[in-house]
Amino acid sequence: MNLTRDRAETIGLQAVAWLAADGELLPVFMGATGASEADFRAGLGDPAFQASVLDFILMEDAWVQAFCAAHDLRPDTPMRVRAVLPGGEQVHWT
């Protein structure tokens, strides 16, 4: 799958919606990030916020698998999407 910025943002928005629908995982995200419900709602369309949600999902293989299963995505898709969204580019220090 070729990931355009638009496609990455669509999947990022799916990740935000998936997290919002998970009554057990959402409070963990909010506690870990300090985000409020208002912050969460305000960040829906923000690619940087979507990236933070993907960073969170990528912390646990089970979360990645559940998200991918829910959206019929390959298991490497969240990492590939994260690379396209703001802050995901690889840093070369040399």
N, C-alpha and C. Protein backbone atom coordinates (compact mmCIF):
# COMPACT_ATOMS: atom_id res chain seq x y z
N MET A 1 0.85 -1.17 0.00
CA MET A 1 0.00 0.00 0.00
C MET A 1 0.89 1.23 0.00
N ASN A 2 0.64 2.11 -0.96
CA ASN A 2 1.37 3.37 -1.04
C ASN A 2 0.67 4.37 -0.12
N LEU A 3 1.41 4.92 0.82
CA LEU A 3 0.81 5.82 1.80
C LEU A 3 1.02 7.27 1.42
N THR A 4 -0.05 7.90 1.00
CA THR A 4 -0.02 9.34 0.78
C THR A 4 -0.28 10.01 2.13
N ARG A 5 -0.03 11.28 2.19
CA ARG A 5 -0.30 12.02 3.43
C ARG A 5 -1.80 11.95 3.77
N ASP A 6 -2.65 12.08 2.75
CA ASP A 6 -4.11 12.00 2.99
C ASP A 6 -4.51 10.64 3.54
N ARG A 7 -3.97 9.57 2.95
CA ARG A 7 -4.29 8.22 3.43
C ARG A 7 -3.80 8.02 4.85
N ALA A 8 -2.60 8.53 5.15
CA ALA A 8 -2.05 8.42 6.50
C ALA A 8 -2.94 9.16 7.50
N GLU A 9 -3.42 10.34 7.13
CA GLU A 9 -4.30 11.09 8.04
C GLU A 9 -5.64 10.38 8.23
N THR A 10 -6.13 9.72 7.18
CA THR A 10 -7.37 8.95 7.31
C THR A 10 -7.19 7.81 8.30
N ILE A 11 -6.09 7.09 8.18
CA ILE A 11 -5.82 5.99 9.11
C ILE A 11 -5.54 6.55 10.51
N GLY A 12 -4.88 7.69 10.59
CA GLY A 12 -4.66 8.33 11.88
C GLY A 12 -5.98 8.68 12.56
N LEU A 13 -6.92 9.18 11.78
CA LEU A 13 -8.25 9.49 12.33
C LEU A 13 -8.96 8.21 12.76
N GLN A 14 -8.79 7.13 12.01
CA GLN A 14 -9.36 5.84 12.42
C GLN A 14 -8.77 5.39 13.74
N ALA A 15 -7.47 5.64 13.93
CA ALA A 15 -6.82 5.26 15.19
C ALA A 15 -7.41 6.05 16.36
N VAL A 16 -7.65 7.34 16.14
CA VAL A 16 -8.24 8.17 17.19
C VAL A 16 -9.64 7.67 17.52
N ALA A 17 -10.43 7.38 16.49
CA ALA A 17 -11.80 6.89 16.72
C ALA A 17 -11.78 5.54 17.42
N TRP A 18 -10.86 4.66 17.03
CA TRP A 18 -10.75 3.34 17.65
C TRP A 18 -10.42 3.49 19.13
N LEU A 19 -9.48 4.36 19.43
CA LEU A 19 -9.10 4.58 20.83
C LEU A 19 -10.26 5.17 21.62
N ALA A 20 -10.97 6.13 21.03
CA ALA A 20 -12.10 6.77 21.72
C ALA A 20 -13.19 5.77 22.05
N ALA A 21 -13.34 4.74 21.23
CA ALA A 21 -14.39 3.75 21.44
C ALA A 21 -14.00 2.69 22.47
N ASP A 22 -12.74 2.66 22.88
CA ASP A 22 -12.28 1.65 23.83
C ASP A 22 -12.34 2.22 25.25
N GLY A 23 -13.38 1.83 25.97
CA GLY A 23 -13.61 2.36 27.31
C GLY A 23 -12.54 2.03 28.33
N GLU A 24 -11.75 1.00 28.09
CA GLU A 24 -10.67 0.65 29.02
C GLU A 24 -9.36 1.33 28.64
N LEU A 25 -9.09 1.43 27.35
CA LEU A 25 -7.80 1.95 26.89
C LEU A 25 -7.76 3.48 26.85
N LEU A 26 -8.88 4.10 26.55
CA LEU A 26 -8.91 5.57 26.47
C LEU A 26 -8.45 6.22 27.78
N PRO A 27 -8.93 5.79 28.95
CA PRO A 27 -8.44 6.41 30.18
C PRO A 27 -6.93 6.20 30.40
N VAL A 28 -6.39 5.10 29.91
CA VAL A 28 -4.95 4.86 30.02
C VAL A 28 -4.21 5.89 29.18
N PHE A 29 -4.68 6.13 27.95
CA PHE A 29 -4.08 7.15 27.09
C PHE A 29 -4.16 8.52 27.74
N MET A 30 -5.33 8.86 28.23
CA MET A 30 -5.52 10.18 28.82
C MET A 30 -4.67 10.36 30.07
N GLY A 31 -4.54 9.32 30.87
CA GLY A 31 -3.68 9.40 32.04
C GLY A 31 -2.22 9.49 31.69
N ALA A 32 -1.80 8.78 30.66
CA ALA A 32 -0.40 8.78 30.25
C ALA A 32 0.01 10.10 29.60
N THR A 33 -0.94 10.72 28.89
CA THR A 33 -0.60 11.94 28.15
C THR A 33 -1.02 13.21 28.87
N GLY A 34 -1.94 13.09 29.80
CA GLY A 34 -2.47 14.28 30.47
C GLY A 34 -3.53 14.99 29.64
N ALA A 35 -3.94 14.36 28.55
CA ALA A 35 -4.96 14.96 27.68
C ALA A 35 -6.32 14.93 28.38
N SER A 36 -7.07 16.00 28.21
CA SER A 36 -8.44 16.05 28.72
C SER A 36 -9.39 15.62 27.61
N GLU A 37 -10.67 15.47 27.96
CA GLU A 37 -11.66 15.15 26.93
C GLU A 37 -11.72 16.25 25.88
N ALA A 38 -11.61 17.49 26.32
CA ALA A 38 -11.62 18.62 25.38
C ALA A 38 -10.41 18.57 24.45
N ASP A 39 -9.24 18.23 25.01
CA ASP A 39 -8.04 18.09 24.19
C ASP A 39 -8.24 16.99 23.15
N PHE A 40 -8.84 15.90 23.59
CA PHE A 40 -9.07 14.76 22.70
C PHE A 40 -9.98 15.18 21.55
N ARG A 41 -11.08 15.84 21.86
CA ARG A 41 -12.01 16.29 20.81
C ARG A 41 -11.34 17.30 19.89
N ALA A 42 -10.59 18.22 20.45
CA ALA A 42 -9.93 19.25 19.65
C ALA A 42 -8.87 18.66 18.73
N GLY A 43 -8.29 17.54 19.11
CA GLY A 43 -7.22 16.95 18.34
C GLY A 43 -7.65 15.99 17.25
N LEU A 44 -8.92 15.75 17.11
CA LEU A 44 -9.39 14.75 16.15
C LEU A 44 -8.81 14.93 14.75
N GLY A 45 -8.86 16.13 14.23
CA GLY A 45 -8.39 16.37 12.87
C GLY A 45 -6.95 16.82 12.78
N ASP A 46 -6.25 16.85 13.90
CA ASP A 46 -4.86 17.32 13.93
C ASP A 46 -3.90 16.15 13.69
N PRO A 47 -3.16 16.18 12.57
CA PRO A 47 -2.24 15.08 12.29
C PRO A 47 -1.21 14.85 13.40
N ALA A 48 -0.80 15.88 14.11
CA ALA A 48 0.16 15.71 15.21
C ALA A 48 -0.49 14.94 16.36
N PHE A 49 -1.77 15.20 16.63
CA PHE A 49 -2.48 14.46 17.67
C PHE A 49 -2.69 13.02 17.23
N GLN A 50 -3.05 12.83 15.97
CA GLN A 50 -3.19 11.47 15.44
C GLN A 50 -1.88 10.71 15.61
N ALA A 51 -0.76 11.39 15.37
CA ALA A 51 0.55 10.77 15.53
C ALA A 51 0.77 10.35 16.98
N SER A 52 0.33 11.19 17.93
CA SER A 52 0.51 10.83 19.34
C SER A 52 -0.33 9.61 19.70
N VAL A 53 -1.52 9.50 19.12
CA VAL A 53 -2.36 8.32 19.36
C VAL A 53 -1.68 7.09 18.78
N LEU A 54 -1.12 7.21 17.58
CA LEU A 54 -0.41 6.07 17.00
C LEU A 54 0.82 5.70 17.82
N ASP A 55 1.54 6.71 18.33
CA ASP A 55 2.68 6.41 19.21
C ASP A 55 2.22 5.57 20.40
N PHE A 56 1.09 5.94 20.96
CA PHE A 56 0.54 5.21 22.10
C PHE A 56 0.16 3.78 21.70
N ILE A 57 -0.57 3.63 20.62
CA ILE A 57 -0.99 2.30 20.16
C ILE A 57 0.23 1.42 19.88
N LEU A 58 1.27 2.01 19.32
CA LEU A 58 2.47 1.25 18.96
C LEU A 58 3.26 0.76 20.18
N MET A 59 2.90 1.21 21.37
CA MET A 59 3.60 0.77 22.58
C MET A 59 3.30 -0.69 22.95
N GLU A 60 2.21 -1.23 22.43
CA GLU A 60 1.78 -2.57 22.84
C GLU A 60 1.32 -3.36 21.62
N ASP A 61 1.94 -4.50 21.39
CA ASP A 61 1.59 -5.33 20.23
C ASP A 61 0.11 -5.70 20.20
N ALA A 62 -0.48 -5.98 21.34
CA ALA A 62 -1.89 -6.36 21.38
C ALA A 62 -2.78 -5.21 20.90
N TRP A 63 -2.40 -3.97 21.21
CA TRP A 63 -3.17 -2.82 20.75
C TRP A 63 -3.04 -2.66 19.24
N VAL A 64 -1.84 -2.85 18.73
CA VAL A 64 -1.62 -2.78 17.29
C VAL A 64 -2.47 -3.83 16.59
N GLN A 65 -2.43 -5.05 17.09
CA GLN A 65 -3.19 -6.13 16.47
C GLN A 65 -4.69 -5.86 16.51
N ALA A 66 -5.18 -5.35 17.63
CA ALA A 66 -6.61 -5.07 17.76
C ALA A 66 -7.04 -3.95 16.82
N PHE A 67 -6.25 -2.89 16.75
CA PHE A 67 -6.56 -1.78 15.84
C PHE A 67 -6.55 -2.26 14.39
N CYS A 68 -5.53 -3.00 14.01
CA CYS A 68 -5.42 -3.49 12.63
C CYS A 68 -6.56 -4.45 12.29
N ALA A 69 -6.91 -5.31 13.21
CA ALA A 69 -8.02 -6.24 12.97
C ALA A 69 -9.33 -5.49 12.79
N ALA A 70 -9.52 -4.45 13.57
CA ALA A 70 -10.76 -3.67 13.50
C ALA A 70 -10.91 -2.93 12.18
N HIS A 71 -9.78 -2.62 11.53
CA HIS A 71 -9.81 -1.83 10.30
C HIS A 71 -9.24 -2.57 9.10
N ASP A 72 -9.06 -3.88 9.24
CA ASP A 72 -8.56 -4.72 8.15
C ASP A 72 -7.26 -4.15 7.56
N LEU A 73 -6.31 -3.88 8.45
CA LEU A 73 -5.01 -3.34 8.05
C LEU A 73 -3.92 -4.35 8.34
N ARG A 74 -2.85 -4.27 7.58
CA ARG A 74 -1.68 -5.10 7.85
C ARG A 74 -1.04 -4.64 9.17
N PRO A 75 -0.41 -5.54 9.91
CA PRO A 75 0.17 -5.18 11.21
C PRO A 75 1.27 -4.12 11.14
N ASP A 76 1.90 -3.93 9.98
CA ASP A 76 2.94 -2.91 9.87
C ASP A 76 2.38 -1.53 9.50
N THR A 77 1.09 -1.45 9.23
CA THR A 77 0.49 -0.20 8.78
C THR A 77 0.60 0.93 9.81
N PRO A 78 0.30 0.71 11.09
CA PRO A 78 0.42 1.83 12.03
C PRO A 78 1.83 2.44 12.07
N MET A 79 2.84 1.62 11.99
CA MET A 79 4.20 2.14 12.01
C MET A 79 4.50 2.93 10.72
N ARG A 80 4.01 2.43 9.61
CA ARG A 80 4.22 3.12 8.34
C ARG A 80 3.46 4.44 8.32
N VAL A 81 2.24 4.44 8.85
CA VAL A 81 1.45 5.66 8.92
C VAL A 81 2.15 6.67 9.83
N ARG A 82 2.65 6.18 10.95
CA ARG A 82 3.32 7.08 11.91
C ARG A 82 4.51 7.78 11.27
N ALA A 83 5.20 7.09 10.36
CA ALA A 83 6.36 7.68 9.70
C ALA A 83 5.96 8.82 8.76
N VAL A 84 4.72 8.81 8.28
CA VAL A 84 4.25 9.84 7.36
C VAL A 84 3.73 11.07 8.10
N LEU A 85 3.17 10.86 9.28
CA LEU A 85 2.59 11.96 10.05
C LEU A 85 3.68 12.82 10.69
N PRO A 86 3.34 14.04 11.13
CA PRO A 86 4.34 14.93 11.72
C PRO A 86 5.16 14.29 12.82
N GLY A 87 6.47 14.49 12.76
CA GLY A 87 7.38 13.96 13.77
C GLY A 87 7.80 12.54 13.52
N GLY A 88 7.33 11.92 12.46
CA GLY A 88 7.62 10.53 12.22
C GLY A 88 8.82 10.27 11.33
N GLU A 89 9.36 11.33 10.76
CA GLU A 89 10.49 11.15 9.87
C GLU A 89 11.72 10.68 10.66
N GLN A 90 12.54 9.91 9.99
CA GLN A 90 13.74 9.41 10.64
C GLN A 90 14.76 10.51 10.77
N VAL A 91 15.39 10.56 11.91
CA VAL A 91 16.42 11.56 12.17
C VAL A 91 17.78 10.94 11.93
N HIS A 92 18.58 11.62 11.15
CA HIS A 92 19.96 11.17 10.89
C HIS A 92 20.89 12.18 11.55
N TRP A 93 21.59 11.74 12.57
CA TRP A 93 22.43 12.63 13.37
C TRP A 93 23.83 12.80 12.79
N THR A 94 24.13 12.11 11.73
CA THR A 94 25.48 12.22 11.16
C THR A 94 25.49 13.10 9.94
